Amino acid sequence: MQSGRNASGSWPEIDERLQRAVRPAAPGVPCQGGYSAESCGLELRFGSRDQLWYDQSFGEWTRDAQVPIASASKWLTAAAIMTLVDEGTLDLDAPISTYWSGLDADHGAISMRQLLSHTSGMVHHAPCTHDQQIHTLQQCAQEILLLPLAAKPGTTFLYGAPSFQVAGAIAEKVSGQSWRDLFKERIADPLGMTKTLYGSTRGQFADTTSNPQLAGGGISTASDYYAFLDMMMQRGMFQGRRVLSERAYDAMERSNTGGVSRYECPLTEAACYPVWPTAGFALGNPATGSVPYGLGNWLFRVDSDCNGTLVSSPGAYGVHGWIDTIRGYRGLLFMNGDYTASAPIFEDLLSILDQRIPQRTAPEAPLKDCA
């Protein structure tokens, strides 16, 4: 089943690729139950700042279904925290001991920038990030801050959830707001994201006010997430209102991992969830050791100054939202399946769009120079 509209022109090669992805018994999007009845299909939107070029859904999919977005949450979380940086309530490079008392010297020296770029040296996994019944966000952060560091802050990229949980708890402290209220006031309401909230990555996909999983517990719709991409594509502006400063946008979309090592888990792959033992990245992410990271998102392509030109924060259930500044468009592949199904679709879409949409600015630089 295909529904929606091609809002500008014809894209037969994309129609064919997505029809093939949802064909029964064909490699593509698995009909595996998942967390909702809409897990056997997908929708795709892309377009420029002023025009929607493509808007279609395929398979057994309810358009604008509200589904878990996993690590696509990180981009949203980082943006909400950057509003506090904009107003001067937080300093990206101040030690977190400025905001959280009682820390030892190693933990206290970590900066907000390191928390949001996975270079804090914190462990990649902490049980409390998945406990939405007992813990509060403040209690979970305190538990994480008592765990030994896996590396010296600023030396190692280690992708995971604990650092985002701590960053969110600090945001609560300095703002005097719960995470739900902070996100709603600063991101959701200004962008009209009425169906986006935070829950858990382990089956509890409902609004969680006490200990929301900030690195992977987001729940959203295609319309909501596309609005977020619209704001980011306009460098912080949305419908004539500034949500983020251009300075905040630049900080998020510039490499923060240059010169750091990549973590290698000393255990087996299964025991190292969610880290691959050889590459040091989360299970379900396409990156290799040469892909830089900004704040809350990957930089799959960069310019000569290590600013992201193709940026994204893909999720393990298949959501890919991306911005291509070289070609001047944003895209969103939205589904509720798994990453192994969505990754080849995403790569094929990029290949098609790279050929169809002309470059508007200078070509990118080698990733290795910025990683």
Protein backbone atom coordinates (compact mmCIF):
# COMPACT_ATOMS: atom_id res chain seq x y z
CA MET A 1 0.00 0.00 0.00
CA GLN A 2 1.27 3.44 -0.90
CA SER A 3 -0.32 6.67 0.25
CA GLY A 4 0.50 10.34 0.46
CA ARG A 5 1.68 12.72 -2.21
CA ASN A 6 4.70 13.64 -4.23
CA ALA A 7 4.55 17.32 -3.47
CA SER A 8 7.06 18.45 -6.06
CA GLY A 9 7.90 16.48 -9.15
CA SER A 10 8.26 12.75 -9.70
CA TRP A 11 10.55 10.40 -7.77
CA PRO A 12 9.96 6.96 -9.35
CA GLU A 13 13.28 5.50 -8.19
CA ILE A 14 12.39 6.32 -4.58
CA ASP A 15 8.85 4.95 -4.97
CA GLU A 16 10.30 1.70 -6.32
CA ARG A 17 12.88 1.39 -3.54
CA LEU A 18 10.34 1.82 -0.77
CA GLN A 19 7.75 -0.42 -2.41
CA ARG A 20 10.42 -3.09 -2.60
CA ALA A 21 11.28 -2.56 1.09
CA VAL A 22 7.77 -3.37 2.31
CA ARG A 23 7.09 -6.24 -0.12
CA PRO A 24 6.08 -9.38 1.82
CA ALA A 25 8.92 -11.83 2.43
CA ALA A 26 11.42 -9.45 0.87
CA PRO A 27 14.45 -7.92 2.63
CA GLY A 28 13.45 -4.54 3.97
CA VAL A 29 11.05 -3.60 6.72
CA PRO A 30 10.14 -6.59 8.91
CA CYS A 31 6.57 -7.08 10.07
CA GLN A 32 7.61 -8.16 13.55
CA GLY A 33 4.94 -6.82 15.86
CA GLY A 34 7.11 -4.27 17.59
CA TYR A 35 5.45 -1.80 19.91
CA SER A 36 2.49 -0.83 17.74
CA ALA A 37 0.32 -2.04 14.88
CA GLU A 38 2.19 0.23 12.48
CA SER A 39 5.47 -1.71 12.45
CA CYS A 40 5.09 -3.19 8.96
CA GLY A 41 5.66 -0.08 6.92
CA LEU A 42 7.23 3.36 6.81
CA GLU A 43 6.85 6.93 5.66
CA LEU A 44 9.31 9.26 4.01
CA ARG A 45 9.35 13.04 3.76
CA PHE A 46 11.96 15.33 2.32
CA GLY A 47 12.14 18.84 0.97
CA SER A 48 13.81 22.22 1.01
CA ARG A 49 13.31 24.94 3.56
CA ASP A 50 10.28 26.30 1.69
CA GLN A 51 8.87 23.30 -0.14
CA LEU A 52 7.92 19.70 0.59
CA TRP A 53 9.20 17.61 -2.31
CA TYR A 54 8.07 14.16 -1.19
CA ASP A 55 5.54 12.84 1.33
CA GLN A 56 4.58 9.16 1.03
CA SER A 57 3.85 6.17 3.22
CA PHE A 58 4.26 2.50 2.29
CA GLY A 59 3.10 -0.85 3.63
CA GLU A 60 0.79 -1.38 6.57
CA TRP A 61 1.48 1.95 8.14
CA THR A 62 -0.72 4.56 9.82
CA ARG A 63 0.45 7.97 8.67
CA ASP A 64 1.86 10.09 11.49
CA ALA A 65 1.93 7.08 13.81
CA GLN A 66 3.35 7.82 17.26
CA VAL A 67 6.26 5.41 17.74
CA PRO A 68 9.51 5.08 19.72
CA ILE A 69 12.47 6.80 18.06
CA ALA A 70 15.34 5.37 20.16
CA SER A 71 18.62 7.27 19.64
CA ALA A 72 16.93 9.85 17.41
CA SER A 73 16.00 11.24 20.86
CA LYS A 74 19.57 12.44 21.45
CA TRP A 75 19.27 15.29 18.96
CA LEU A 76 16.12 16.54 20.70
CA THR A 77 17.71 16.25 24.14
CA ALA A 78 20.83 18.14 23.13
CA ALA A 79 18.75 20.93 21.57
CA ALA A 80 16.70 21.37 24.73
CA ILE A 81 19.86 21.62 26.84
CA MET A 82 21.37 24.11 24.40
CA THR A 83 18.51 26.52 25.14
CA LEU A 84 19.96 26.76 28.66
CA VAL A 85 23.38 27.48 27.18
CA ASP A 86 21.79 30.21 25.06
CA GLU A 87 20.39 31.99 28.10
CA GLY A 88 23.62 31.67 30.06
CA THR A 89 22.25 29.24 32.65
CA LEU A 90 24.71 26.56 31.53
CA ASP A 91 28.26 26.81 30.19
CA LEU A 92 29.25 24.04 27.77
CA ASP A 93 32.85 24.05 28.94
CA ALA A 94 32.50 24.65 32.67
CA PRO A 95 33.17 21.63 34.90
CA ILE A 96 29.95 20.00 36.02
CA SER A 97 31.08 20.47 39.64
CA THR A 98 29.84 24.02 39.02
CA TYR A 99 26.30 22.61 39.01
CA TRP A 100 26.55 19.37 41.01
CA SER A 101 28.20 19.35 44.43
CA GLY A 102 30.03 16.49 46.10
CA LEU A 103 31.74 15.04 43.04
CA ASP A 104 35.24 13.60 43.08
CA ALA A 105 37.89 15.39 41.04
CA ASP A 106 37.59 13.15 37.97
CA HIS A 107 33.80 13.32 37.67
CA GLY A 108 33.73 16.97 38.63
CA ALA A 109 36.06 17.90 35.78
CA ILE A 110 33.65 16.62 33.10
CA SER A 111 32.03 19.35 30.99
CA MET A 112 28.53 19.56 29.49
CA ARG A 113 30.14 19.47 26.04
CA GLN A 114 31.73 16.13 26.91
CA LEU A 115 28.45 14.75 28.26
CA LEU A 116 26.62 15.59 25.02
CA SER A 117 29.41 14.33 22.73
CA HIS A 118 30.04 10.99 24.51
CA THR A 119 33.57 12.04 25.46
CA SER A 120 32.98 12.33 29.22
CA GLY A 121 34.69 9.03 29.98
CA MET A 122 31.52 7.66 31.59
CA VAL A 123 30.58 4.02 31.20
CA HIS A 124 28.38 3.18 28.22
CA HIS A 125 25.60 1.56 30.25
CA ALA A 126 23.97 2.03 33.67
CA PRO A 127 20.94 0.02 34.85
CA CYS A 128 19.07 3.01 36.25
CA THR A 129 18.63 4.54 32.79
CA HIS A 130 16.05 1.81 32.13
CA ASP A 131 14.33 2.06 35.51
CA GLN A 132 11.32 4.32 35.13
CA GLN A 133 9.42 2.85 38.09
CA ILE A 134 11.66 3.59 41.07
CA HIS A 135 14.26 6.21 40.19
CA THR A 136 13.96 9.88 39.48
CA LEU A 137 16.25 11.50 36.95
CA GLN A 138 18.18 13.10 39.82
CA GLN A 139 18.62 9.76 41.61
CA CYS A 140 19.70 8.02 38.43
CA ALA A 141 22.28 10.71 37.69
CA GLN A 142 23.65 10.42 41.22
CA GLU A 143 24.06 6.65 40.76
CA ILE A 144 25.89 7.19 37.46
CA LEU A 145 28.17 9.80 39.00
CA LEU A 146 29.26 7.26 41.62
CA LEU A 147 30.36 4.73 38.99
CA PRO A 148 34.07 4.62 38.10
CA LEU A 149 34.94 6.33 34.84
CA ALA A 150 35.94 4.15 31.89
CA ALA A 151 38.39 6.79 30.62
CA LYS A 152 39.76 10.21 31.44
CA PRO A 153 37.29 12.94 30.40
CA GLY A 154 37.95 14.30 26.93
CA THR A 155 40.14 11.45 25.74
CA THR A 156 37.74 8.76 24.54
CA PHE A 157 34.51 8.52 22.55
CA LEU A 158 32.18 6.03 24.24
CA TYR A 159 28.63 6.10 22.89
CA GLY A 160 25.93 5.41 25.44
CA ALA A 161 23.04 6.64 27.58
CA PRO A 162 24.47 7.55 31.03
CA SER A 163 26.10 10.84 30.05
CA PHE A 164 22.83 12.13 28.59
CA GLN A 165 21.00 11.15 31.77
CA VAL A 166 23.45 13.21 33.80
CA ALA A 167 23.22 16.15 31.39
CA GLY A 168 19.44 16.14 31.71
CA ALA A 169 19.58 15.99 35.49
CA ILE A 170 21.88 19.01 35.52
CA ALA A 171 19.45 20.80 33.21
CA GLU A 172 16.69 20.10 35.71
CA LYS A 173 18.81 21.44 38.57
CA VAL A 174 19.76 24.73 36.95
CA SER A 175 16.36 25.42 35.39
CA GLY A 176 14.23 24.41 38.36
CA GLN A 177 12.01 22.47 35.93
CA SER A 178 11.26 18.80 35.42
CA TRP A 179 12.61 17.44 32.15
CA ARG A 180 9.06 17.10 30.81
CA ASP A 181 8.29 20.76 31.48
CA LEU A 182 11.69 21.93 30.25
CA PHE A 183 11.39 20.08 26.94
CA LYS A 184 7.78 21.09 26.45
CA GLU A 185 8.41 24.78 27.09
CA ARG A 186 11.64 25.12 25.12
CA ILE A 187 11.30 22.70 22.20
CA ALA A 188 7.93 20.96 21.91
CA ASP A 189 5.60 23.95 22.29
CA PRO A 190 7.56 26.37 20.05
CA LEU A 191 7.71 23.73 17.30
CA GLY A 192 4.16 22.44 17.70
CA MET A 193 5.42 18.97 18.66
CA THR A 194 2.23 17.93 20.44
CA LYS A 195 2.86 14.19 20.26
CA THR A 196 6.51 14.01 21.32
CA LEU A 197 7.47 12.90 24.81
CA TYR A 198 9.98 10.76 26.68
CA GLY A 199 9.51 7.29 28.14
CA SER A 200 11.74 4.22 28.21
CA THR A 201 13.62 2.19 25.62
CA ARG A 202 12.45 -1.08 27.13
CA GLY A 203 8.76 -1.33 26.43
CA GLN A 204 7.26 1.50 28.46
CA PHE A 205 6.37 3.93 25.71
CA ALA A 206 4.40 6.45 27.67
CA ASP A 207 5.17 9.81 29.21
CA THR A 208 7.59 9.30 32.08
CA THR A 209 7.98 12.27 34.37
CA SER A 210 10.30 10.79 36.99
CA ASN A 211 13.22 9.24 35.08
CA PRO A 212 12.80 9.71 31.32
CA GLN A 213 15.38 7.92 29.18
CA LEU A 214 16.95 10.95 27.52
CA ALA A 215 19.31 9.16 25.14
CA GLY A 216 16.78 6.73 23.68
CA GLY A 217 13.31 6.97 25.20
CA GLY A 218 11.72 9.50 22.86
CA ILE A 219 8.34 8.88 21.28
CA SER A 220 7.27 11.01 18.33
CA THR A 221 5.51 11.29 14.98
CA ALA A 222 6.81 12.11 11.52
CA SER A 223 5.15 15.54 11.58
CA ASP A 224 6.66 16.40 14.94
CA TYR A 225 10.16 15.26 14.06
CA TYR A 226 10.02 16.94 10.66
CA ALA A 227 9.23 20.21 12.44
CA PHE A 228 12.37 19.74 14.54
CA LEU A 229 14.40 19.18 11.36
CA ASP A 230 12.85 22.33 9.91
CA MET A 231 14.08 24.35 12.89
CA MET A 232 17.56 22.85 12.71
CA MET A 233 17.77 23.38 8.96
CA GLN A 234 17.00 27.07 9.55
CA ARG A 235 19.81 27.27 12.10
CA GLY A 236 17.48 27.64 15.05
CA MET A 237 14.56 29.53 13.50
CA PHE A 238 11.01 28.19 13.20
CA GLN A 239 8.13 30.08 11.63
CA GLY A 240 9.76 33.42 12.33
CA ARG A 241 10.63 32.60 15.95
CA ARG A 242 14.11 31.85 17.22
CA VAL A 243 14.23 28.61 19.21
CA LEU A 244 18.02 28.15 19.23
CA SER A 245 20.76 30.66 18.56
CA GLU A 246 22.95 30.19 15.52
CA ARG A 247 25.84 29.80 17.93
CA ALA A 248 24.05 26.87 19.59
CA TYR A 249 23.35 25.31 16.21
CA ASP A 250 27.01 25.64 15.21
CA ALA A 251 28.14 24.00 18.46
CA MET A 252 25.81 21.05 17.88
CA GLU A 253 26.83 20.51 14.27
CA ARG A 254 30.60 20.86 14.66
CA SER A 255 32.86 17.89 15.40
CA ASN A 256 33.53 17.42 19.11
CA THR A 257 35.47 14.18 18.71
CA GLY A 258 38.61 15.29 16.90
CA GLY A 259 41.70 13.67 18.35
CA VAL A 260 39.93 11.36 20.81
CA SER A 261 40.38 7.61 20.82
CA ARG A 262 37.58 5.12 20.17
CA TYR A 263 36.55 2.90 23.03
CA GLU A 264 37.03 -0.84 22.63
CA CYS A 265 34.96 -3.00 24.92
CA PRO A 266 37.10 -5.67 26.63
CA LEU A 267 34.20 -8.16 26.76
CA THR A 268 32.25 -10.07 24.14
CA GLU A 269 29.89 -8.16 21.88
CA ALA A 270 26.81 -9.51 23.66
CA ALA A 271 28.18 -8.54 27.07
CA CYS A 272 29.10 -5.07 25.88
CA TYR A 273 25.60 -3.88 24.98
CA PRO A 274 25.20 -1.36 23.47
CA VAL A 275 28.80 -1.11 22.20
CA TRP A 276 30.46 -2.90 19.32
CA PRO A 277 33.80 -4.26 20.60
CA THR A 278 35.86 -3.29 17.55
CA ALA A 279 34.43 0.10 16.59
CA GLY A 280 33.28 1.50 19.91
CA PHE A 281 29.83 2.58 18.70
CA ALA A 282 26.32 1.74 19.78
CA LEU A 283 24.62 -1.33 18.42
CA GLY A 284 22.33 -0.12 15.67
CA ASN A 285 24.38 2.84 14.43
CA PRO A 286 26.09 2.97 11.03
CA ALA A 287 29.23 4.75 12.10
CA THR A 288 32.76 3.52 11.80
CA GLY A 289 35.77 4.87 13.59
CA SER A 290 36.08 7.74 11.13
CA VAL A 291 32.67 9.36 11.72
CA PRO A 292 32.75 12.51 13.89
CA TYR A 293 30.10 13.35 16.46
CA GLY A 294 28.68 16.77 17.29
CA LEU A 295 26.34 17.31 20.24
CA GLY A 296 23.53 14.78 20.07
CA ASN A 297 24.11 13.78 16.44
CA TRP A 298 26.52 12.18 13.98
CA LEU A 299 28.29 14.18 11.28
CA PHE A 300 28.27 11.80 8.32
CA ARG A 301 29.80 14.45 6.07
CA VAL A 302 31.79 17.55 7.02
CA ASP A 303 33.36 20.62 5.46
CA SER A 304 37.01 21.66 5.73
CA ASP A 305 36.35 23.27 9.13
CA CYS A 306 34.78 20.09 10.53
CA ASN A 307 31.24 21.49 10.47
CA GLY A 308 28.63 18.89 9.62
CA THR A 309 27.14 19.06 6.14
CA LEU A 310 25.14 15.81 6.38
CA VAL A 311 24.01 15.34 9.96
CA SER A 312 21.71 12.80 11.58
CA SER A 313 20.86 10.99 14.80
CA PRO A 314 19.46 7.61 13.66
CA GLY A 315 17.61 5.32 16.03
CA ALA A 316 17.75 1.57 16.55
CA TYR A 317 14.11 1.13 15.46
CA GLY A 318 14.79 2.65 12.07
CA VAL A 319 14.08 6.38 12.34
CA HIS A 320 16.48 8.50 10.30
CA GLY A 321 16.11 12.26 10.27
CA TRP A 322 18.84 14.14 8.41
CA ILE A 323 19.88 17.54 7.08
CA ASP A 324 22.03 18.02 3.99
CA THR A 325 23.33 21.59 3.98
CA ILE A 326 25.31 21.09 0.74
CA ARG A 327 22.13 20.31 -1.20
CA GLY A 328 19.78 22.37 0.92
CA TYR A 329 17.19 19.86 2.05
CA ARG A 330 16.05 17.81 5.03
CA GLY A 331 14.74 14.25 5.04
CA LEU A 332 12.95 11.89 7.40
CA LEU A 333 12.61 8.13 7.09
CA PHE A 334 10.13 7.13 9.80
CA MET A 335 9.36 3.56 10.79
CA ASN A 336 9.09 1.18 13.74
CA GLY A 337 11.19 -1.80 12.75
CA ASP A 338 14.90 -2.23 13.32
CA TYR A 339 18.13 -0.64 12.21
CA THR A 340 19.35 -3.52 10.09
CA ALA A 341 16.27 -3.05 7.91
CA SER A 342 16.41 0.73 7.73
CA ALA A 343 20.16 1.30 7.20
CA PRO A 344 20.33 0.02 3.59
CA ILE A 345 17.16 1.93 2.74
CA PHE A 346 18.67 5.12 4.14
CA GLU A 347 21.91 4.58 2.22
CA ASP A 348 20.00 3.99 -1.02
CA LEU A 349 17.92 7.12 -0.47
CA LEU A 350 21.04 9.20 0.03
CA SER A 351 22.54 7.79 -3.16
CA ILE A 352 19.43 8.68 -5.16
CA LEU A 353 19.13 12.14 -3.69
CA ASP A 354 22.84 12.88 -4.14
CA GLN A 355 22.35 12.25 -7.85
CA ARG A 356 19.07 14.12 -8.21
CA ILE A 357 19.75 17.24 -6.11
CA PRO A 358 22.60 19.52 -7.18
CA GLN A 359 25.18 20.74 -4.68
CA ARG A 360 24.79 24.38 -3.69
CA THR A 361 28.07 24.90 -1.85
CA ALA A 362 31.60 23.51 -1.83
CA PRO A 363 32.09 19.74 -1.51
CA GLU A 364 32.87 18.05 1.77
CA ALA A 365 36.22 17.25 3.38
CA PRO A 366 37.54 13.84 4.56
CA LEU A 367 35.82 12.62 7.74
CA LYS A 368 39.08 11.31 9.17
CA ASP A 369 40.37 14.86 9.58
CA CYS A 370 37.56 15.65 12.03
CA ALA A 371 36.95 12.39 13.87
